[in-house]
Structures are given as structure tokens and as C-alpha cells.
């Protein structure tokens, strides 16, 4: 079992490592606080060690509780608790941003791989469609639309491609359903009444415009489509949210 001194040292080392992700001003405050806590714990451990044989276990426990309360009160009153809390929130935000960047990097590698494959076979419509999807994930809707158009030239008008084109156009125009997007959706649903991209887009647009009844209807059609690639749980949660909004 590790001693208190060892645990205190490890905690301090972790705090120093944790602080490296902060802005300089906040990092200094956080490190100062971590150092003070470390020194306090070390001094406390020395006192306990020196008096260990003289004090009963109950007295030692009471002393420790008193020191903890005093330390916590000072810590709170100094405002450093709020600083550390803000630092932890920043760390969480930093971690989320890091995860997003890692996903983007992975998608970039996927795009490069698809581009290499298309150089070898530029008439593969499915590869053009996949590349369009990858660009859409990167929010590069202009490139996505070019790829979808190339896929359509090779494969002909397909409901899934038309739905993807409408979705890219919608987000390219800051979540506005343009006349062009409406035409693509109409064609997609004429080819396949259960085309999920088109239905999801219509549901999102209806929800955005506070037409919750229509949004629920579109989401139900998505569930009825039995498309295995759909996140059914997310769709059900969307329906529940729309129902709540109806009664607010």
C-alpha cells in the first residue's frame, strides 16, 4: 500500500501534467495552488509522523479532520476553488476539441485513400458517393456536392444520392431548404418513399421551424424504413424531444 507521502507526490505530479493544457495565466494560478496543497500535505504528514506514537487514533483522526476543514475553508475563500474548477472545465473542453480533431484527421486520411482509389478508377460511382460523404463529414459541402454530381453521372439518379445532395445543399446554405434542395428531395422520395436522408432532412427542417407534428411524422417514417444504418435511438430521442416541445 502506498504511503500518504507517495500519494501526495503522485497527485502533485498529475496536477503539473494537467496544467500544461491551460492558458499561461490560468496555468500559473493552478500550479501555485497545486504547490501550496502539496506543501501543506507534506507539512501535515511530518506532524503526524512526529506525533504518531504520542497520539491516540481518535485524536489523530480529529486533528486530520480539523486540518481538512481548515484547508477546505481557506481553499474556498481564496477563490482558488473556482479557478481550479474553471481549469477542469477548460480541460474537458480541450479533450472534446482533441477528440474532434482526431476524428477529422482520421476522416482526412479516409479522403486521401478514396482520392487515390479514384485516380485508379475514376468511373467508380460508389467511390465518388463515399468521397462526397467524407467531405460532408468535414463540412466541406461544396466538394461533397461535386462528388455527388460525379456519382450521379456514373450511376444515374439514385434516391440516396439525391438525398445526400439535398442535405449538403441545406447545410451549405446555413440550414435553409432551397428550391434546388426541395427538387432533389421530391425526386428522391419519388424513387424511394423511405429514403432516409431526405426524410431526416425534412424532419430536421420542420423541427427547426417549430412544426413538431410534421417533424415527428417524418421521423416515424424513418423508423418505418428499417434502414440498418440509422441510429434508431437518436431518432426516438428526437421524437420524444419534439413531443415535449409540443406541450411547452
C-alpha atoms as a PDB file:
ATOM      1  CA  UNK A   1       0.000   0.000   0.000  1.00  0.00           C
ATOM      2  CA  UNK A   2       1.312   3.441  -0.902  1.00  0.00           C
ATOM      3  CA  UNK A   3       2.119   5.910   1.867  1.00  0.00           C
ATOM      4  CA  UNK A   4       0.444   9.303   2.170  1.00  0.00           C
ATOM      5  CA  UNK A   5       3.694  10.937   1.069  1.00  0.00           C
ATOM      6  CA  UNK A   6       3.788   8.839  -2.098  1.00  0.00           C
ATOM      7  CA  UNK A   7       0.135   9.552  -2.896  1.00  0.00           C
ATOM      8  CA  UNK A   8       0.641  13.272  -2.268  1.00  0.00           C
ATOM      9  CA  UNK A   9       3.643  13.350  -4.610  1.00  0.00           C
ATOM     10  CA  UNK A  10       1.777  11.462  -7.346  1.00  0.00           C
ATOM     11  CA  UNK A  11      -1.197  13.823  -7.042  1.00  0.00           C
ATOM     12  CA  UNK A  12       1.082  16.824  -7.384  1.00  0.00           C
ATOM     13  CA  UNK A  13       2.831  15.350 -10.448  1.00  0.00           C
ATOM     14  CA  UNK A  14      -0.542  14.695 -12.093  1.00  0.00           C
ATOM     15  CA  UNK A  15      -1.605  18.292 -11.379  1.00  0.00           C
ATOM     16  CA  UNK A  16       1.567  19.622 -13.019  1.00  0.00           C
ATOM     17  CA  UNK A  17       0.934  17.481 -16.096  1.00  0.00           C
ATOM     18  CA  UNK A  18      -2.737  18.504 -16.160  1.00  0.00           C
ATOM     19  CA  UNK A  19      -1.836  22.206 -16.063  1.00  0.00           C
ATOM     20  CA  UNK A  20       0.091  22.047 -19.337  1.00  0.00           C
ATOM     21  CA  UNK A  21      -3.174  22.284 -21.322  1.00  0.00           C
ATOM     22  CA  UNK A  22      -4.155  25.629 -19.701  1.00  0.00           C
ATOM     23  CA  UNK A  23      -3.578  29.157 -20.903  1.00  0.00           C
ATOM     24  CA  UNK A  24      -0.458  30.685 -19.335  1.00  0.00           C
ATOM     25  CA  UNK A  25      -2.246  32.895 -16.795  1.00  0.00           C
ATOM     26  CA  UNK A  26      -4.547  30.126 -15.606  1.00  0.00           C
ATOM     27  CA  UNK A  27      -1.687  27.615 -15.614  1.00  0.00           C
ATOM     28  CA  UNK A  28       0.314  29.773 -13.179  1.00  0.00           C
ATOM     29  CA  UNK A  29      -2.634  30.065 -10.789  1.00  0.00           C
ATOM     30  CA  UNK A  30      -3.342  26.354 -10.977  1.00  0.00           C
ATOM     31  CA  UNK A  31       0.301  25.389 -10.388  1.00  0.00           C
ATOM     32  CA  UNK A  32       0.596  27.773  -7.437  1.00  0.00           C
ATOM     33  CA  UNK A  33      -2.475  26.218  -5.880  1.00  0.00           C
ATOM     34  CA  UNK A  34      -1.205  22.676  -6.503  1.00  0.00           C
ATOM     35  CA  UNK A  35       2.169  23.570  -4.957  1.00  0.00           C
ATOM     36  CA  UNK A  36       0.556  25.055  -1.850  1.00  0.00           C
ATOM     37  CA  UNK A  37      -1.606  21.990  -1.399  1.00  0.00           C
ATOM     38  CA  UNK A  38       1.410  19.751  -1.860  1.00  0.00           C
ATOM     39  CA  UNK A  39       3.468  21.665   0.715  1.00  0.00           C
ATOM     40  CA  UNK A  40       0.549  21.709   3.152  1.00  0.00           C
ATOM     41  CA  UNK A  41       0.114  17.949   2.860  1.00  0.00           C
ATOM     42  CA  UNK A  42       3.840  17.356   3.291  1.00  0.00           C
ATOM     43  CA  UNK A  43       3.928  19.511   6.447  1.00  0.00           C
ATOM     44  CA  UNK A  44       0.839  17.752   7.751  1.00  0.00           C
ATOM     45  CA  UNK A  45       2.401  14.355   7.122  1.00  0.00           C
ATOM     46  CA  UNK A  46       5.529  15.364   9.015  1.00  0.00           C
ATOM     47  CA  UNK A  47       3.480  16.480  12.041  1.00  0.00           C
ATOM     48  CA  UNK A  48       1.521  13.265  12.029  1.00  0.00           C
ATOM     49  CA  UNK A  49       4.693  11.225  11.701  1.00  0.00           C
ATOM     50  CA  UNK A  50       6.403  13.009  14.618  1.00  0.00           C
ATOM     51  CA  UNK A  51       3.403  12.641  16.937  1.00  0.00           C
ATOM     52  CA  UNK A  52       2.166   9.281  15.783  1.00  0.00           C
ATOM     53  CA  UNK A  53       3.365   7.452  18.872  1.00  0.00           C
ATOM     54  CA  UNK A  54       2.041  10.112  21.285  1.00  0.00           C
ATOM     55  CA  UNK A  55      -1.488  10.488  19.949  1.00  0.00           C
ATOM     56  CA  UNK A  56      -4.400   8.089  20.179  1.00  0.00           C
ATOM     57  CA  UNK A  57      -6.057   7.076  16.878  1.00  0.00           C
ATOM     58  CA  UNK A  58      -9.165   9.113  17.749  1.00  0.00           C
ATOM     59  CA  UNK A  59      -7.163  12.284  18.450  1.00  0.00           C
ATOM     60  CA  UNK A  60      -5.200  11.793  15.222  1.00  0.00           C
ATOM     61  CA  UNK A  61      -8.468  11.420  13.294  1.00  0.00           C
ATOM     62  CA  UNK A  62      -9.902  14.586  14.851  1.00  0.00           C
ATOM     63  CA  UNK A  63      -6.726  16.520  14.053  1.00  0.00           C
ATOM     64  CA  UNK A  64      -6.800  15.355  10.474  1.00  0.00           C
ATOM     65  CA  UNK A  65     -10.495  16.285  10.132  1.00  0.00           C
ATOM     66  CA  UNK A  66      -9.788  19.752  11.537  1.00  0.00           C
ATOM     67  CA  UNK A  67      -6.896  20.299   9.146  1.00  0.00           C
ATOM     68  CA  UNK A  68      -9.014  19.199   6.201  1.00  0.00           C
ATOM     69  CA  UNK A  69     -11.838  21.573   7.174  1.00  0.00           C
ATOM     70  CA  UNK A  70      -9.432  24.475   7.687  1.00  0.00           C
ATOM     71  CA  UNK A  71      -7.710  23.761   4.405  1.00  0.00           C
ATOM     72  CA  UNK A  72     -11.018  23.490   2.538  1.00  0.00           C
ATOM     73  CA  UNK A  73     -12.307  26.749   4.007  1.00  0.00           C
ATOM     74  CA  UNK A  74      -9.132  28.603   3.072  1.00  0.00           C
ATOM     75  CA  UNK A  75      -9.187  26.999  -0.355  1.00  0.00           C
ATOM     76  CA  UNK A  76     -12.785  28.107  -0.984  1.00  0.00           C
ATOM     77  CA  UNK A  77     -12.414  31.611   0.436  1.00  0.00           C
ATOM     78  CA  UNK A  78      -9.275  32.292  -1.581  1.00  0.00           C
ATOM     79  CA  UNK A  79     -11.240  31.885  -4.801  1.00  0.00           C
ATOM     80  CA  UNK A  80      -8.850  29.197  -5.972  1.00  0.00           C
ATOM     81  CA  UNK A  81     -11.569  26.574  -5.917  1.00  0.00           C
ATOM     82  CA  UNK A  82     -13.300  28.494  -8.695  1.00  0.00           C
ATOM     83  CA  UNK A  83     -10.006  28.772 -10.564  1.00  0.00           C
ATOM     84  CA  UNK A  84      -9.386  25.033 -10.364  1.00  0.00           C
ATOM     85  CA  UNK A  85     -12.992  24.311 -11.305  1.00  0.00           C
ATOM     86  CA  UNK A  86     -12.647  26.577 -14.328  1.00  0.00           C
ATOM     87  CA  UNK A  87      -9.407  24.805 -15.176  1.00  0.00           C
ATOM     88  CA  UNK A  88     -11.101  21.420 -15.074  1.00  0.00           C
ATOM     89  CA  UNK A  89     -13.905  22.709 -17.305  1.00  0.00           C
ATOM     90  CA  UNK A  90     -11.305  24.003 -19.736  1.00  0.00           C
ATOM     91  CA  UNK A  91      -9.596  20.632 -19.676  1.00  0.00           C
ATOM     92  CA  UNK A  92     -12.869  18.886 -20.538  1.00  0.00           C
ATOM     93  CA  UNK A  93     -13.468  21.320 -23.400  1.00  0.00           C
ATOM     94  CA  UNK A  94      -9.890  20.753 -24.531  1.00  0.00           C
ATOM     95  CA  UNK A  95     -10.462  16.981 -24.513  1.00  0.00           C
ATOM     96  CA  UNK A  96     -13.642  17.327 -26.587  1.00  0.00           C
ATOM     97  CA  UNK A  97     -11.774  19.510 -29.081  1.00  0.00           C
ATOM     98  CA  UNK A  98      -8.938  16.969 -29.188  1.00  0.00           C
ATOM     99  CA  UNK A  99     -11.398  14.149 -29.919  1.00  0.00           C
ATOM    100  CA  UNK A 100     -12.941  16.180 -32.742  1.00  0.00           C
ATOM    101  CA  UNK A 101      -9.521  16.919 -34.206  1.00  0.00           C
ATOM    102  CA  UNK A 102      -8.603  13.238 -34.077  1.00  0.00           C
ATOM    103  CA  UNK A 103     -11.828  12.332 -35.894  1.00  0.00           C
ATOM    104  CA  UNK A 104     -11.154  14.997 -38.509  1.00  0.00           C
ATOM    105  CA  UNK A 105      -7.620  13.675 -39.027  1.00  0.00           C
ATOM    106  CA  UNK A 106      -8.980  10.149 -39.421  1.00  0.00           C
ATOM    107  CA  UNK A 107     -11.525  11.411 -41.958  1.00  0.00           C
ATOM    108  CA  UNK A 108      -8.783  13.299 -43.822  1.00  0.00           C
ATOM    109  CA  UNK A 109      -6.843  10.045 -44.198  1.00  0.00           C
ATOM    110  CA  UNK A 110     -10.019   8.362 -45.439  1.00  0.00           C
ATOM    111  CA  UNK A 111     -10.487  11.145 -48.032  1.00  0.00           C
ATOM    112  CA  UNK A 112      -6.911  10.744 -49.259  1.00  0.00           C
ATOM    113  CA  UNK A 113      -7.429   6.995 -49.553  1.00  0.00           C
ATOM    114  CA  UNK A 114     -10.612   7.467 -51.602  1.00  0.00           C
ATOM    115  CA  UNK A 115      -8.892  10.007 -53.844  1.00  0.00           C
ATOM    116  CA  UNK A 116      -6.066   7.543 -54.539  1.00  0.00           C
ATOM    117  CA  UNK A 117      -8.575   4.826 -55.421  1.00  0.00           C
ATOM    118  CA  UNK A 118     -10.485   7.189 -57.725  1.00  0.00           C
ATOM    119  CA  UNK A 119      -7.289   8.054 -59.623  1.00  0.00           C
ATOM    120  CA  UNK A 120      -7.053   4.375 -60.463  1.00  0.00           C
ATOM    121  CA  UNK A 121     -10.738   4.052 -61.304  1.00  0.00           C
ATOM    122  CA  UNK A 122     -12.414   7.454 -61.920  1.00  0.00           C
ATOM    123  CA  UNK A 123     -15.595   5.793 -63.204  1.00  0.00           C
ATOM    124  CA  UNK A 124     -16.460   4.151 -59.873  1.00  0.00           C
ATOM    125  CA  UNK A 125     -19.675   5.913 -58.897  1.00  0.00           C
ATOM    126  CA  UNK A 126     -19.790   4.323 -55.453  1.00  0.00           C
ATOM    127  CA  UNK A 127     -16.353   5.728 -54.625  1.00  0.00           C
ATOM    128  CA  UNK A 128     -17.495   9.190 -55.701  1.00  0.00           C
ATOM    129  CA  UNK A 129     -20.511   8.860 -53.397  1.00  0.00           C
ATOM    130  CA  UNK A 130     -18.307   7.743 -50.478  1.00  0.00           C
ATOM    131  CA  UNK A 131     -15.947  10.644 -51.086  1.00  0.00           C
ATOM    132  CA  UNK A 132     -18.921  13.010 -51.034  1.00  0.00           C
ATOM    133  CA  UNK A 133     -19.996  11.598 -47.686  1.00  0.00           C
ATOM    134  CA  UNK A 134     -16.481  12.044 -46.298  1.00  0.00           C
ATOM    135  CA  UNK A 135     -16.356  15.682 -47.446  1.00  0.00           C
ATOM    136  CA  UNK A 136     -19.777  16.284 -45.877  1.00  0.00           C
ATOM    137  CA  UNK A 137     -18.448  14.999 -42.540  1.00  0.00           C
ATOM    138  CA  UNK A 138     -15.739  17.655 -42.805  1.00  0.00           C
ATOM    139  CA  UNK A 139     -18.406  20.306 -43.517  1.00  0.00           C
ATOM    140  CA  UNK A 140     -16.917  20.805 -46.996  1.00  0.00           C
ATOM    141  CA  UNK A 141     -20.309  20.809 -48.703  1.00  0.00           C
ATOM    142  CA  UNK A 142     -19.096  22.350 -51.952  1.00  0.00           C
ATOM    143  CA  UNK A 143     -16.693  19.452 -52.544  1.00  0.00           C
ATOM    144  CA  UNK A 144     -19.341  16.999 -51.381  1.00  0.00           C
ATOM    145  CA  UNK A 145     -21.817  18.251 -53.988  1.00  0.00           C
ATOM    146  CA  UNK A 146     -19.205  17.923 -56.756  1.00  0.00           C
ATOM    147  CA  UNK A 147     -18.589  14.308 -55.742  1.00  0.00           C
ATOM    148  CA  UNK A 148     -22.307  13.504 -55.556  1.00  0.00           C
ATOM    149  CA  UNK A 149     -22.764  15.006 -59.023  1.00  0.00           C
ATOM    150  CA  UNK A 150     -19.956  12.801 -60.369  1.00  0.00           C
ATOM    151  CA  UNK A 151     -21.539   9.768 -58.699  1.00  0.00           C
ATOM    152  CA  UNK A 152     -24.859  10.577 -60.316  1.00  0.00           C
ATOM    153  CA  UNK A 153     -23.278  10.930 -63.760  1.00  0.00           C
ATOM    154  CA  UNK A 154     -21.899   7.391 -63.439  1.00  0.00           C
ATOM    155  CA  UNK A 155     -24.737   5.685 -61.555  1.00  0.00           C
ATOM    156  CA  UNK A 156     -27.730   7.720 -62.738  1.00  0.00           C
ATOM    157  CA  UNK A 157     -30.325   9.305 -60.466  1.00  0.00           C
ATOM    158  CA  UNK A 158     -30.396   7.344 -57.223  1.00  0.00           C
ATOM    159  CA  UNK A 159     -32.584   8.225 -54.251  1.00  0.00           C
ATOM    160  CA  UNK A 160     -29.680   8.053 -51.782  1.00  0.00           C
ATOM    161  CA  UNK A 161     -27.505  10.371 -53.905  1.00  0.00           C
ATOM    162  CA  UNK A 162     -30.318  12.891 -54.362  1.00  0.00           C
ATOM    163  CA  UNK A 163     -31.000  12.844 -50.621  1.00  0.00           C
ATOM    164  CA  UNK A 164     -27.321  13.393 -49.888  1.00  0.00           C
ATOM    165  CA  UNK A 165     -27.183  16.281 -52.360  1.00  0.00           C
ATOM    166  CA  UNK A 166     -30.201  17.931 -50.746  1.00  0.00           C
ATOM    167  CA  UNK A 167     -28.644  17.546 -47.290  1.00  0.00           C
ATOM    168  CA  UNK A 168     -25.318  19.057 -48.396  1.00  0.00           C
ATOM    169  CA  UNK A 169     -27.130  21.953 -50.047  1.00  0.00           C
ATOM    170  CA  UNK A 170     -29.216  22.524 -46.902  1.00  0.00           C
ATOM    171  CA  UNK A 171     -26.193  22.885 -44.634  1.00  0.00           C
ATOM    172  CA  UNK A 172     -24.226  24.791 -47.232  1.00  0.00           C
ATOM    173  CA  UNK A 173     -26.993  27.404 -47.099  1.00  0.00           C
ATOM    174  CA  UNK A 174     -26.986  27.560 -43.283  1.00  0.00           C
ATOM    175  CA  UNK A 175     -29.912  25.210 -42.741  1.00  0.00           C
ATOM    176  CA  UNK A 176     -32.144  26.751 -45.351  1.00  0.00           C
ATOM    177  CA  UNK A 177     -34.211  24.494 -47.587  1.00  0.00           C
ATOM    178  CA  UNK A 178     -33.580  25.960 -51.038  1.00  0.00           C
ATOM    179  CA  UNK A 179     -35.724  25.382 -54.100  1.00  0.00           C
ATOM    180  CA  UNK A 180     -32.988  23.169 -55.540  1.00  0.00           C
ATOM    181  CA  UNK A 181     -32.888  21.040 -52.392  1.00  0.00           C
ATOM    182  CA  UNK A 182     -36.669  20.670 -52.443  1.00  0.00           C
ATOM    183  CA  UNK A 183     -36.491  19.428 -56.036  1.00  0.00           C
ATOM    184  CA  UNK A 184     -33.844  16.847 -55.138  1.00  0.00           C
ATOM    185  CA  UNK A 185     -35.923  15.644 -52.179  1.00  0.00           C
ATOM    186  CA  UNK A 186     -39.032  15.357 -54.342  1.00  0.00           C
ATOM    187  CA  UNK A 187     -37.132  13.237 -56.870  1.00  0.00           C
ATOM    188  CA  UNK A 188     -35.532  11.102 -54.146  1.00  0.00           C
ATOM    189  CA  UNK A 189     -38.844  10.278 -52.458  1.00  0.00           C
ATOM    190  CA  UNK A 190     -40.453   9.592 -55.825  1.00  0.00           C
ATOM    191  CA  UNK A 191     -37.781   6.941 -56.401  1.00  0.00           C
ATOM    192  CA  UNK A 192     -37.916   5.663 -52.821  1.00  0.00           C
ATOM    193  CA  UNK A 193     -40.597   6.866 -50.428  1.00  0.00           C
ATOM    194  CA  UNK A 194     -38.476   5.691 -47.475  1.00  0.00           C
ATOM    195  CA  UNK A 195     -35.211   7.363 -48.490  1.00  0.00           C
ATOM    196  CA  UNK A 196     -33.785   8.176 -45.058  1.00  0.00           C
ATOM    197  CA  UNK A 197     -31.558  11.186 -45.828  1.00  0.00           C
ATOM    198  CA  UNK A 198     -34.452  13.088 -47.358  1.00  0.00           C
ATOM    199  CA  UNK A 199     -36.829  12.196 -44.517  1.00  0.00           C
ATOM    200  CA  UNK A 200     -34.276  13.132 -41.855  1.00  0.00           C
ATOM    201  CA  UNK A 201     -33.640  16.436 -43.583  1.00  0.00           C
ATOM    202  CA  UNK A 202     -37.360  17.222 -43.764  1.00  0.00           C
ATOM    203  CA  UNK A 203     -37.736  16.272 -40.087  1.00  0.00           C
ATOM    204  CA  UNK A 204     -34.849  18.499 -39.021  1.00  0.00           C
ATOM    205  CA  UNK A 205     -36.143  21.411 -41.047  1.00  0.00           C
ATOM    206  CA  UNK A 206     -39.670  21.014 -39.634  1.00  0.00           C
ATOM    207  CA  UNK A 207     -38.300  20.861 -36.074  1.00  0.00           C
ATOM    208  CA  UNK A 208     -36.162  23.946 -36.713  1.00  0.00           C
ATOM    209  CA  UNK A 209     -39.288  25.773 -37.843  1.00  0.00           C
ATOM    210  CA  UNK A 210     -41.208  24.554 -34.750  1.00  0.00           C
ATOM    211  CA  UNK A 211     -43.541  22.340 -36.773  1.00  0.00           C
ATOM    212  CA  UNK A 212     -43.163  19.486 -34.280  1.00  0.00           C
ATOM    213  CA  UNK A 213     -46.102  17.438 -35.561  1.00  0.00           C
ATOM    214  CA  UNK A 214     -44.642  17.281 -39.056  1.00  0.00           C
ATOM    215  CA  UNK A 215     -41.149  16.552 -37.663  1.00  0.00           C
ATOM    216  CA  UNK A 216     -42.492  13.592 -35.660  1.00  0.00           C
ATOM    217  CA  UNK A 217     -44.271  12.274 -38.754  1.00  0.00           C
ATOM    218  CA  UNK A 218     -41.046  12.331 -40.793  1.00  0.00           C
ATOM    219  CA  UNK A 219     -39.038  10.684 -38.022  1.00  0.00           C
ATOM    220  CA  UNK A 220     -41.650   7.931 -37.730  1.00  0.00           C
ATOM    221  CA  UNK A 221     -41.284   7.258 -41.452  1.00  0.00           C
ATOM    222  CA  UNK A 222     -37.524   6.945 -40.924  1.00  0.00           C
ATOM    223  CA  UNK A 223     -38.126   4.313 -38.241  1.00  0.00           C
ATOM    224  CA  UNK A 224     -40.564   2.501 -40.534  1.00  0.00           C
ATOM    225  CA  UNK A 225     -37.911   2.344 -43.264  1.00  0.00           C
ATOM    226  CA  UNK A 226     -35.937  -0.254 -41.255  1.00  0.00           C
ATOM    227  CA  UNK A 227     -32.686   1.221 -42.551  1.00  0.00           C
ATOM    228  CA  UNK A 228     -29.965  -0.543 -40.527  1.00  0.00           C
ATOM    229  CA  UNK A 229     -27.536   2.378 -40.854  1.00  0.00           C
ATOM    230  CA  UNK A 230     -29.927   4.707 -38.995  1.00  0.00           C
ATOM    231  CA  UNK A 231     -29.285   5.478 -35.329  1.00  0.00           C
ATOM    232  CA  UNK A 232     -32.761   4.457 -34.195  1.00  0.00           C
ATOM    233  CA  UNK A 233     -32.118   5.503 -30.617  1.00  0.00           C
ATOM    234  CA  UNK A 234     -31.254   9.043 -31.708  1.00  0.00           C
ATOM    235  CA  UNK A 235     -34.393   9.222 -33.864  1.00  0.00           C
ATOM    236  CA  UNK A 236     -36.573   8.051 -30.964  1.00  0.00           C
ATOM    237  CA  UNK A 237     -34.974  10.651 -28.685  1.00  0.00           C
ATOM    238  CA  UNK A 238     -35.702  13.307 -31.317  1.00  0.00           C
ATOM    239  CA  UNK A 239     -39.348  12.260 -31.401  1.00  0.00           C
ATOM    240  CA  UNK A 240     -39.566  12.451 -27.608  1.00  0.00           C
ATOM    241  CA  UNK A 241     -37.992  15.908 -27.637  1.00  0.00           C
ATOM    242  CA  UNK A 242     -40.457  17.114 -30.283  1.00  0.00           C
ATOM    243  CA  UNK A 243     -43.371  15.797 -28.200  1.00  0.00           C
ATOM    244  CA  UNK A 244     -42.114  17.723 -25.172  1.00  0.00           C
ATOM    245  CA  UNK A 245     -41.800  20.880 -27.245  1.00  0.00           C
ATOM    246  CA  UNK A 246     -45.390  20.476 -28.430  1.00  0.00           C
ATOM    247  CA  UNK A 247     -46.691  20.909 -24.878  1.00  0.00           C
ATOM    248  CA  UNK A 248     -44.371  23.737 -23.796  1.00  0.00           C
END
